Amino acid sequence: MATVLPSVLNVRSEPDTSKDNVVVQYYKGETINYHEVYICNGYVWIKYKSWQGYDRYVASRKIDSSEIYLKCT
């Protein structure tokens, strides 16, 4: 499980911030149950299945930064 740290965090249909693929947003303090972790496109991503069965991706942090977006437990 991961807890959102910033005020808002985008959920994407692909693990890529350069595309217009935001499908929903989570807000500070909300939790996300994830099942996989990816490192790609300069970020560490978590992946989960939406209620509709689609894969969803959330950037948990930038690889080259200490800025963290999710607290994973």
Protein backbone atom coordinates (compact mmCIF):
# COMPACT_ATOMS: atom_id res chain seq x y z
CA MET A 1 0.00 0.00 0.00
CA ALA A 2 1.15 3.57 -0.67
CA THR A 3 -0.01 6.87 0.83
CA VAL A 4 -0.14 10.04 -1.28
CA LEU A 5 2.13 12.80 0.10
CA PRO A 6 1.55 15.87 -2.15
CA SER A 7 -1.77 17.73 -2.34
CA VAL A 8 -2.63 16.02 -5.65
CA LEU A 9 -1.07 13.15 -7.62
CA ASN A 10 -1.90 12.11 -11.18
CA VAL A 11 -2.77 8.56 -12.16
CA ARG A 12 -1.89 7.66 -15.74
CA SER A 13 -2.80 5.02 -18.29
CA GLU A 14 0.90 4.60 -19.17
CA PRO A 15 4.09 5.14 -17.14
CA ASP A 16 4.98 8.33 -19.02
CA THR A 17 4.62 11.96 -17.91
CA SER A 18 5.25 13.38 -21.39
CA LYS A 19 1.87 12.20 -22.70
CA ASP A 20 -1.60 13.54 -21.95
CA ASN A 21 -2.68 10.31 -20.26
CA VAL A 22 -3.99 11.39 -16.84
CA VAL A 23 -7.11 9.35 -16.05
CA VAL A 24 -7.77 10.26 -12.39
CA GLN A 25 -6.13 11.98 -9.44
CA TYR A 26 -5.47 11.01 -5.84
CA TYR A 27 -5.24 13.51 -3.00
CA LYS A 28 -2.99 13.86 0.04
CA GLY A 29 -3.55 11.09 2.58
CA GLU A 30 -5.39 8.74 0.21
CA THR A 31 -3.97 5.23 -0.18
CA ILE A 32 -3.30 3.10 -3.24
CA ASN A 33 -3.01 -0.69 -3.23
CA TYR A 34 -0.40 -1.54 -5.84
CA HIS A 35 1.05 -4.82 -7.09
CA GLU A 36 4.11 -3.93 -9.19
CA VAL A 37 6.95 -1.40 -9.30
CA TYR A 38 8.63 -0.14 -12.48
CA ILE A 39 11.59 2.11 -13.19
CA CYS A 40 11.21 3.94 -16.50
CA ASN A 41 11.18 7.40 -18.07
CA GLY A 42 13.09 8.91 -15.15
CA TYR A 43 10.61 7.81 -12.45
CA VAL A 44 9.88 4.95 -10.11
CA TRP A 45 6.28 3.94 -10.86
CA ILE A 46 3.74 1.82 -9.02
CA LYS A 47 1.16 -0.13 -10.98
CA TYR A 48 -2.32 -1.18 -9.91
CA LYS A 49 -5.54 -2.44 -11.50
CA SER A 50 -8.50 -0.07 -11.60
CA TRP A 51 -11.98 -1.27 -10.61
CA GLN A 52 -12.70 -1.54 -14.35
CA GLY A 53 -9.69 -3.86 -14.84
CA TYR A 54 -7.35 -1.34 -16.49
CA ASP A 55 -3.66 -0.99 -15.60
CA ARG A 56 -2.94 2.34 -13.87
CA TYR A 57 0.44 3.93 -13.13
CA VAL A 58 1.48 6.46 -10.48
CA ALA A 59 4.91 8.10 -10.27
CA SER A 60 6.18 7.51 -6.75
CA ARG A 61 9.38 9.54 -7.16
CA LYS A 62 11.89 10.90 -9.67
CA ILE A 63 14.98 8.73 -9.98
CA ASP A 64 17.43 11.67 -9.86
CA SER A 65 15.68 13.56 -7.03
CA SER A 66 14.97 13.17 -3.36
CA GLU A 67 11.39 14.40 -3.93
CA ILE A 68 9.01 11.57 -2.98
CA TYR A 69 5.33 11.48 -3.95
CA LEU A 70 4.23 8.29 -2.19
CA LYS A 71 5.07 6.67 1.11
CA CYS A 72 5.09 2.94 0.42
CA THR A 73 4.43 0.55 3.27
